[in-house]
Every structure is written in C-alpha cells, then in structure tokens.
C-alpha cells in the first residue's frame, strides 16, 4: 500500500497519485495515521480561478506547501475484521467515499466506493454467463431455500449464487444459475408452486 508523510510537498503527492492512478493517500507520521490527502483536499487548497497567480506561481506554491497543510485530519477508519456492511454504514453516515482499513494502529489498506461496487458485482457473479431467476415468497417459511436447492439439483440446474432480500414483508430470492433453458427453469419452479417474476439470460461481462 502506498502512503505518504505529512512533510511531503504537495506536488510530490499529486505526482504519486497520478503515477499510481489513485485519488487519495493515507498520511503516516512514524507508524501513526495522522490524515488523508485526496484530490479534493488538494483542490480545495488550490488558488481559485479568479486568482492572478500564473501556473508557474501555483507550481511554486505547491512545491513549498506540504501534505500536512491540506490533508483531512479527522479521518474515519474501519477495522480489517469488520463486515463490509460496517464500512458501507460508516461511509453513508459520514458522507465520505473512502475509509483507511486498520489492523490495530497500522494502516493495511483503503476501501472506497468503487471497491464496494466491485465486491457487489463479484458477489452476484455478474461477470459470469448465467440464467438469472427472481422468485418472490409472500410468506417466509423454514426450509424454503432447501426446497429450491433440491428442486434445482433434481433438474440438473446448478446454482452459482443465491441472494435473499426483504421488502415490505415480501421476500425476493435471486439465483444465478449455470446457463440453461430459461423457459425450463421457469416451468420447474412455477409447477412447484413458486412465483417467478423474472428470468433472463445474463451474458458474460469482461472483469
């Protein structure tokens, strides 16, 4: 993981982010996390467009100013052992798009909005070719997931992923199944008494 010290010049921080195609850097003093420098925090410290400073003067200014002068000092963090939901909750509650990930007092990584979106795509097997099925259950009952699993196995439909969500008391089960005859999948589930509202073929997407 790339970090930077608070006495690093801003131009160096900008170049480090550009060279590594990243948008923020944890600021470490000794072994202690003391801040976070981002493209936004640098932009806020930049002279406005109304300034009379030339580009050369701005560059000179950034060669003199340090990361410690523009970094975000009140940095929210998340433990590496925390659930992904904890990170999402913190980011939403604090209206931020990044969290340094901690192992005790040590920074071991960063999680961003893009990381969370990528994780969602991975969880849903979005990148794999599949038949996507949505089943709606009006009333929850013990063993319904097992019933669906057994039914799919009996007809040689292999489940790649399965997610369960609840909305206003209604349960939605979404399955990604190895590419199959979607009409056959629909028929098997419907004849077993399940309400199928959505069956589509998902193409393979590049990761």
C-alpha atoms as a PDB file:
ATOM      1  CA  UNK A   1       0.000   0.000   0.000  1.00  0.00           C
ATOM      2  CA  UNK A   2       1.240   3.495  -0.877  1.00  0.00           C
ATOM      3  CA  UNK A   3       1.411   6.061   1.920  1.00  0.00           C
ATOM      4  CA  UNK A   4       2.949   9.491   2.327  1.00  0.00           C
ATOM      5  CA  UNK A   5       4.379  11.583   5.173  1.00  0.00           C
ATOM      6  CA  UNK A   6       2.938  14.942   6.322  1.00  0.00           C
ATOM      7  CA  UNK A   7       6.091  16.842   5.315  1.00  0.00           C
ATOM      8  CA  UNK A   8       5.854  15.646   1.704  1.00  0.00           C
ATOM      9  CA  UNK A   9       5.408  18.501  -0.775  1.00  0.00           C
ATOM     10  CA  UNK A  10       2.017  18.697  -2.458  1.00  0.00           C
ATOM     11  CA  UNK A  11       3.490  18.383  -5.951  1.00  0.00           C
ATOM     12  CA  UNK A  12       5.082  15.088  -4.921  1.00  0.00           C
ATOM     13  CA  UNK A  13       1.730  13.843  -3.596  1.00  0.00           C
ATOM     14  CA  UNK A  14      -0.001  14.861  -6.839  1.00  0.00           C
ATOM     15  CA  UNK A  15       2.581  13.052  -8.946  1.00  0.00           C
ATOM     16  CA  UNK A  16       2.399   9.959  -6.724  1.00  0.00           C
ATOM     17  CA  UNK A  17      -1.357   9.764  -7.199  1.00  0.00           C
ATOM     18  CA  UNK A  18      -1.082  10.297 -10.955  1.00  0.00           C
ATOM     19  CA  UNK A  19       1.688   7.723 -11.370  1.00  0.00           C
ATOM     20  CA  UNK A  20      -0.302   5.097  -9.476  1.00  0.00           C
ATOM     21  CA  UNK A  21      -3.766   6.032 -10.824  1.00  0.00           C
ATOM     22  CA  UNK A  22      -5.160   6.631  -7.321  1.00  0.00           C
ATOM     23  CA  UNK A  23      -7.134   9.511  -5.821  1.00  0.00           C
ATOM     24  CA  UNK A  24      -6.099   9.563  -2.156  1.00  0.00           C
ATOM     25  CA  UNK A  25      -3.156   8.697   0.087  1.00  0.00           C
ATOM     26  CA  UNK A  26      -3.009   7.864   3.810  1.00  0.00           C
ATOM     27  CA  UNK A  27      -0.656  10.236   5.627  1.00  0.00           C
ATOM     28  CA  UNK A  28       1.619   8.430   8.086  1.00  0.00           C
ATOM     29  CA  UNK A  29       3.821  10.094  10.689  1.00  0.00           C
ATOM     30  CA  UNK A  30       6.133   7.416  12.073  1.00  0.00           C
ATOM     31  CA  UNK A  31       3.725   4.492  12.397  1.00  0.00           C
ATOM     32  CA  UNK A  32       0.709   6.681  13.137  1.00  0.00           C
ATOM     33  CA  UNK A  33      -2.120   7.549  10.747  1.00  0.00           C
ATOM     34  CA  UNK A  34      -2.435  11.346  11.002  1.00  0.00           C
ATOM     35  CA  UNK A  35      -4.504  12.217   7.956  1.00  0.00           C
ATOM     36  CA  UNK A  36      -5.671  11.545   4.443  1.00  0.00           C
ATOM     37  CA  UNK A  37      -4.717  13.605   1.427  1.00  0.00           C
ATOM     38  CA  UNK A  38      -7.111  13.469  -1.525  1.00  0.00           C
ATOM     39  CA  UNK A  39      -7.541  15.130  -4.879  1.00  0.00           C
ATOM     40  CA  UNK A  40     -10.425  17.066  -3.316  1.00  0.00           C
ATOM     41  CA  UNK A  41      -8.424  18.320  -0.341  1.00  0.00           C
ATOM     42  CA  UNK A  42      -5.659  19.500  -2.686  1.00  0.00           C
ATOM     43  CA  UNK A  43      -8.201  21.128  -4.991  1.00  0.00           C
ATOM     44  CA  UNK A  44      -9.752  23.000  -2.061  1.00  0.00           C
ATOM     45  CA  UNK A  45      -6.311  24.349  -1.162  1.00  0.00           C
ATOM     46  CA  UNK A  46      -5.609  25.438  -4.728  1.00  0.00           C
ATOM     47  CA  UNK A  47      -5.920  29.118  -5.676  1.00  0.00           C
ATOM     48  CA  UNK A  48      -9.265  29.902  -7.261  1.00  0.00           C
ATOM     49  CA  UNK A  49      -9.589  30.527 -10.995  1.00  0.00           C
ATOM     50  CA  UNK A  50     -10.024  34.207 -10.166  1.00  0.00           C
ATOM     51  CA  UNK A  51      -6.516  34.414  -8.757  1.00  0.00           C
ATOM     52  CA  UNK A  52      -3.876  36.475 -10.502  1.00  0.00           C
ATOM     53  CA  UNK A  53      -1.266  33.770  -9.912  1.00  0.00           C
ATOM     54  CA  UNK A  54       0.264  32.230 -13.010  1.00  0.00           C
ATOM     55  CA  UNK A  55       0.622  28.475 -13.461  1.00  0.00           C
ATOM     56  CA  UNK A  56       4.295  28.865 -12.598  1.00  0.00           C
ATOM     57  CA  UNK A  57       3.446  30.636  -9.357  1.00  0.00           C
ATOM     58  CA  UNK A  58       0.900  27.942  -8.463  1.00  0.00           C
ATOM     59  CA  UNK A  59       3.509  25.247  -9.093  1.00  0.00           C
ATOM     60  CA  UNK A  60       5.986  27.168  -6.964  1.00  0.00           C
ATOM     61  CA  UNK A  61       3.371  27.378  -4.188  1.00  0.00           C
ATOM     62  CA  UNK A  62       2.722  23.626  -4.350  1.00  0.00           C
ATOM     63  CA  UNK A  63       6.461  22.988  -4.239  1.00  0.00           C
ATOM     64  CA  UNK A  64       6.553  24.842  -0.932  1.00  0.00           C
ATOM     65  CA  UNK A  65       3.312  23.621   0.702  1.00  0.00           C
ATOM     66  CA  UNK A  66       3.247  20.253   2.434  1.00  0.00           C
ATOM     67  CA  UNK A  67       0.654  17.495   2.609  1.00  0.00           C
ATOM     68  CA  UNK A  68       0.217  18.251   6.306  1.00  0.00           C
ATOM     69  CA  UNK A  69      -1.238  21.659   5.399  1.00  0.00           C
ATOM     70  CA  UNK A  70      -4.020  20.309   3.187  1.00  0.00           C
ATOM     71  CA  UNK A  71      -4.758  16.791   4.476  1.00  0.00           C
ATOM     72  CA  UNK A  72      -8.020  15.730   6.072  1.00  0.00           C
ATOM     73  CA  UNK A  73      -7.190  15.332   9.756  1.00  0.00           C
ATOM     74  CA  UNK A  74     -10.443  13.882  11.085  1.00  0.00           C
ATOM     75  CA  UNK A  75     -10.109  10.529   9.338  1.00  0.00           C
ATOM     76  CA  UNK A  76     -12.754   7.849   9.797  1.00  0.00           C
ATOM     77  CA  UNK A  77     -11.380   4.297   9.693  1.00  0.00           C
ATOM     78  CA  UNK A  78     -12.614   0.717   9.713  1.00  0.00           C
ATOM     79  CA  UNK A  79     -11.041  -2.437  11.140  1.00  0.00           C
ATOM     80  CA  UNK A  80      -9.895  -5.076   8.669  1.00  0.00           C
ATOM     81  CA  UNK A  81     -12.026  -7.613  10.543  1.00  0.00           C
ATOM     82  CA  UNK A  82     -15.204  -5.512  10.166  1.00  0.00           C
ATOM     83  CA  UNK A  83     -18.048  -6.646   7.942  1.00  0.00           C
ATOM     84  CA  UNK A  84     -18.419  -4.923   4.586  1.00  0.00           C
ATOM     85  CA  UNK A  85     -21.759  -3.570   5.801  1.00  0.00           C
ATOM     86  CA  UNK A  86     -19.973  -1.746   8.639  1.00  0.00           C
ATOM     87  CA  UNK A  87     -17.784   0.087   6.127  1.00  0.00           C
ATOM     88  CA  UNK A  88     -20.781   0.984   3.967  1.00  0.00           C
ATOM     89  CA  UNK A  89     -22.677   2.268   7.013  1.00  0.00           C
ATOM     90  CA  UNK A  90     -19.767   4.447   8.117  1.00  0.00           C
ATOM     91  CA  UNK A  91     -19.311   5.880   4.648  1.00  0.00           C
ATOM     92  CA  UNK A  92     -23.001   6.722   4.349  1.00  0.00           C
ATOM     93  CA  UNK A  93     -23.294   8.148   7.859  1.00  0.00           C
ATOM     94  CA  UNK A  94     -20.277  10.400   7.329  1.00  0.00           C
ATOM     95  CA  UNK A  95     -20.935  11.149   3.641  1.00  0.00           C
ATOM     96  CA  UNK A  96     -17.454  10.008   2.607  1.00  0.00           C
ATOM     97  CA  UNK A  97     -16.166   7.803  -0.197  1.00  0.00           C
ATOM     98  CA  UNK A  98     -13.099   6.241   1.396  1.00  0.00           C
ATOM     99  CA  UNK A  99     -12.015   4.559   4.634  1.00  0.00           C
ATOM    100  CA  UNK A 100      -8.489   3.563   5.661  1.00  0.00           C
ATOM    101  CA  UNK A 101      -8.520  -0.070   6.807  1.00  0.00           C
ATOM    102  CA  UNK A 102      -6.755  -0.691  10.121  1.00  0.00           C
ATOM    103  CA  UNK A 103      -5.066  -3.625  11.820  1.00  0.00           C
ATOM    104  CA  UNK A 104      -4.850  -2.177  15.299  1.00  0.00           C
ATOM    105  CA  UNK A 105      -2.882   1.067  14.845  1.00  0.00           C
ATOM    106  CA  UNK A 106      -1.482   0.050  11.442  1.00  0.00           C
ATOM    107  CA  UNK A 107      -2.991   1.073   8.114  1.00  0.00           C
ATOM    108  CA  UNK A 108      -3.204  -2.048   5.946  1.00  0.00           C
ATOM    109  CA  UNK A 109      -5.358  -0.770   3.088  1.00  0.00           C
ATOM    110  CA  UNK A 110      -8.093   1.523   1.854  1.00  0.00           C
ATOM    111  CA  UNK A 111     -11.678   0.751   0.912  1.00  0.00           C
ATOM    112  CA  UNK A 112     -13.559   3.024  -1.497  1.00  0.00           C
ATOM    113  CA  UNK A 113     -16.997   3.251  -3.084  1.00  0.00           C
ATOM    114  CA  UNK A 114     -15.588   1.582  -6.193  1.00  0.00           C
ATOM    115  CA  UNK A 115     -14.239  -1.319  -4.123  1.00  0.00           C
ATOM    116  CA  UNK A 116     -17.710  -1.864  -2.675  1.00  0.00           C
ATOM    117  CA  UNK A 117     -19.350  -1.763  -6.108  1.00  0.00           C
ATOM    118  CA  UNK A 118     -16.762  -4.248  -7.406  1.00  0.00           C
ATOM    119  CA  UNK A 119     -17.449  -6.511  -4.421  1.00  0.00           C
ATOM    120  CA  UNK A 120     -21.171  -6.420  -5.207  1.00  0.00           C
ATOM    121  CA  UNK A 121     -20.515  -7.436  -8.809  1.00  0.00           C
ATOM    122  CA  UNK A 122     -18.305 -10.292  -7.578  1.00  0.00           C
ATOM    123  CA  UNK A 123     -20.907 -11.466  -5.060  1.00  0.00           C
ATOM    124  CA  UNK A 124     -23.616 -11.537  -7.727  1.00  0.00           C
ATOM    125  CA  UNK A 125     -21.376 -13.324 -10.243  1.00  0.00           C
ATOM    126  CA  UNK A 126     -22.078 -10.513 -12.683  1.00  0.00           C
ATOM    127  CA  UNK A 127     -19.036 -11.349 -14.777  1.00  0.00           C
ATOM    128  CA  UNK A 128     -20.180 -14.926 -15.477  1.00  0.00           C
ATOM    129  CA  UNK A 129     -22.646 -16.092 -18.084  1.00  0.00           C
ATOM    130  CA  UNK A 130     -25.799 -17.237 -16.288  1.00  0.00           C
ATOM    131  CA  UNK A 131     -29.550 -17.567 -16.217  1.00  0.00           C
ATOM    132  CA  UNK A 132     -30.861 -15.081 -13.642  1.00  0.00           C
ATOM    133  CA  UNK A 133     -34.049 -16.004 -11.792  1.00  0.00           C
ATOM    134  CA  UNK A 134     -36.078 -13.986  -9.278  1.00  0.00           C
ATOM    135  CA  UNK A 135     -38.546 -15.807  -7.043  1.00  0.00           C
ATOM    136  CA  UNK A 136     -40.950 -13.997  -4.723  1.00  0.00           C
ATOM    137  CA  UNK A 137     -42.183 -15.509  -1.474  1.00  0.00           C
ATOM    138  CA  UNK A 138     -45.241 -13.941   0.152  1.00  0.00           C
ATOM    139  CA  UNK A 139     -44.742 -15.672   3.488  1.00  0.00           C
ATOM    140  CA  UNK A 140     -41.423 -16.881   4.870  1.00  0.00           C
ATOM    141  CA  UNK A 141     -41.182 -20.457   5.964  1.00  0.00           C
ATOM    142  CA  UNK A 142     -38.452 -22.702   7.288  1.00  0.00           C
ATOM    143  CA  UNK A 143     -36.650 -24.715   4.639  1.00  0.00           C
ATOM    144  CA  UNK A 144     -37.693 -22.742   1.560  1.00  0.00           C
ATOM    145  CA  UNK A 145     -34.074 -22.291   0.409  1.00  0.00           C
ATOM    146  CA  UNK A 146     -33.500 -26.026   0.836  1.00  0.00           C
ATOM    147  CA  UNK A 147     -36.622 -26.770  -1.209  1.00  0.00           C
ATOM    148  CA  UNK A 148     -35.414 -24.597  -4.056  1.00  0.00           C
ATOM    149  CA  UNK A 149     -31.928 -26.090  -3.911  1.00  0.00           C
ATOM    150  CA  UNK A 150     -33.256 -29.638  -4.016  1.00  0.00           C
ATOM    151  CA  UNK A 151     -35.616 -28.807  -6.871  1.00  0.00           C
ATOM    152  CA  UNK A 152     -32.849 -27.228  -8.942  1.00  0.00           C
ATOM    153  CA  UNK A 153     -30.480 -30.157  -8.284  1.00  0.00           C
ATOM    154  CA  UNK A 154     -33.123 -32.708  -9.304  1.00  0.00           C
ATOM    155  CA  UNK A 155     -33.353 -30.998 -12.697  1.00  0.00           C
ATOM    156  CA  UNK A 156     -29.572 -30.549 -13.073  1.00  0.00           C
ATOM    157  CA  UNK A 157     -29.682 -26.750 -12.723  1.00  0.00           C
ATOM    158  CA  UNK A 158     -26.512 -25.667 -10.923  1.00  0.00           C
ATOM    159  CA  UNK A 159     -26.871 -22.578  -8.696  1.00  0.00           C
ATOM    160  CA  UNK A 160     -23.883 -20.202  -8.983  1.00  0.00           C
ATOM    161  CA  UNK A 161     -25.062 -17.632  -6.429  1.00  0.00           C
ATOM    162  CA  UNK A 162     -28.158 -17.005  -4.343  1.00  0.00           C
ATOM    163  CA  UNK A 163     -29.256 -13.819  -2.564  1.00  0.00           C
ATOM    164  CA  UNK A 164     -32.235 -13.149  -0.317  1.00  0.00           C
ATOM    165  CA  UNK A 165     -33.708  -9.663   0.243  1.00  0.00           C
ATOM    166  CA  UNK A 166     -36.799  -8.456   2.050  1.00  0.00           C
ATOM    167  CA  UNK A 167     -39.020  -5.520   1.128  1.00  0.00           C
ATOM    168  CA  UNK A 168     -42.233  -4.670   2.992  1.00  0.00           C
ATOM    169  CA  UNK A 169     -42.570  -8.233   4.177  1.00  0.00           C
ATOM    170  CA  UNK A 170     -42.106  -9.768   0.739  1.00  0.00           C
ATOM    171  CA  UNK A 171     -39.056 -11.965   0.215  1.00  0.00           C
ATOM    172  CA  UNK A 172     -37.151 -11.953  -3.058  1.00  0.00           C
ATOM    173  CA  UNK A 173     -34.728 -14.762  -3.857  1.00  0.00           C
ATOM    174  CA  UNK A 174     -32.407 -14.121  -6.782  1.00  0.00           C
ATOM    175  CA  UNK A 175     -30.413 -17.007  -8.201  1.00  0.00           C
ATOM    176  CA  UNK A 176     -27.744 -17.070 -10.867  1.00  0.00           C
ATOM    177  CA  UNK A 177     -27.831 -20.495 -12.475  1.00  0.00           C
ATOM    178  CA  UNK A 178     -25.404 -22.033 -14.964  1.00  0.00           C
ATOM    179  CA  UNK A 179     -26.719 -21.016 -18.395  1.00  0.00           C
ATOM    180  CA  UNK A 180     -29.782 -23.149 -19.003  1.00  0.00           C
ATOM    181  CA  UNK A 181     -33.083 -23.150 -20.882  1.00  0.00           C
ATOM    182  CA  UNK A 182     -34.747 -20.284 -19.052  1.00  0.00           C
ATOM    183  CA  UNK A 183     -38.232 -21.486 -20.004  1.00  0.00           C
ATOM    184  CA  UNK A 184     -37.431 -24.862 -18.471  1.00  0.00           C
ATOM    185  CA  UNK A 185     -36.188 -23.225 -15.259  1.00  0.00           C
ATOM    186  CA  UNK A 186     -39.332 -21.113 -15.107  1.00  0.00           C
ATOM    187  CA  UNK A 187     -41.574 -24.145 -15.671  1.00  0.00           C
ATOM    188  CA  UNK A 188     -39.878 -26.266 -12.994  1.00  0.00           C
ATOM    189  CA  UNK A 189     -40.163 -23.543 -10.350  1.00  0.00           C
ATOM    190  CA  UNK A 190     -43.694 -22.479 -11.300  1.00  0.00           C
ATOM    191  CA  UNK A 191     -45.031 -26.039 -11.297  1.00  0.00           C
ATOM    192  CA  UNK A 192     -43.544 -26.464  -7.811  1.00  0.00           C
ATOM    193  CA  UNK A 193     -45.672 -23.532  -6.640  1.00  0.00           C
ATOM    194  CA  UNK A 194     -43.084 -20.755  -6.660  1.00  0.00           C
ATOM    195  CA  UNK A 195     -43.884 -17.291  -8.006  1.00  0.00           C
ATOM    196  CA  UNK A 196     -41.287 -16.479 -10.652  1.00  0.00           C
ATOM    197  CA  UNK A 197     -41.416 -12.892 -11.878  1.00  0.00           C
ATOM    198  CA  UNK A 198     -38.140 -12.552 -13.696  1.00  0.00           C
ATOM    199  CA  UNK A 199     -35.970 -14.908 -15.751  1.00  0.00           C
ATOM    200  CA  UNK A 200     -33.293 -13.590 -18.121  1.00  0.00           C
ATOM    201  CA  UNK A 201     -30.085 -14.728 -19.761  1.00  0.00           C
ATOM    202  CA  UNK A 202     -27.082 -12.781 -18.463  1.00  0.00           C
ATOM    203  CA  UNK A 203     -24.159 -12.591 -20.905  1.00  0.00           C
ATOM    204  CA  UNK A 204     -20.572 -12.890 -19.755  1.00  0.00           C
ATOM    205  CA  UNK A 205     -19.084  -9.476 -18.951  1.00  0.00           C
ATOM    206  CA  UNK A 206     -15.385  -8.590 -19.007  1.00  0.00           C
ATOM    207  CA  UNK A 207     -13.972  -8.102 -15.491  1.00  0.00           C
END
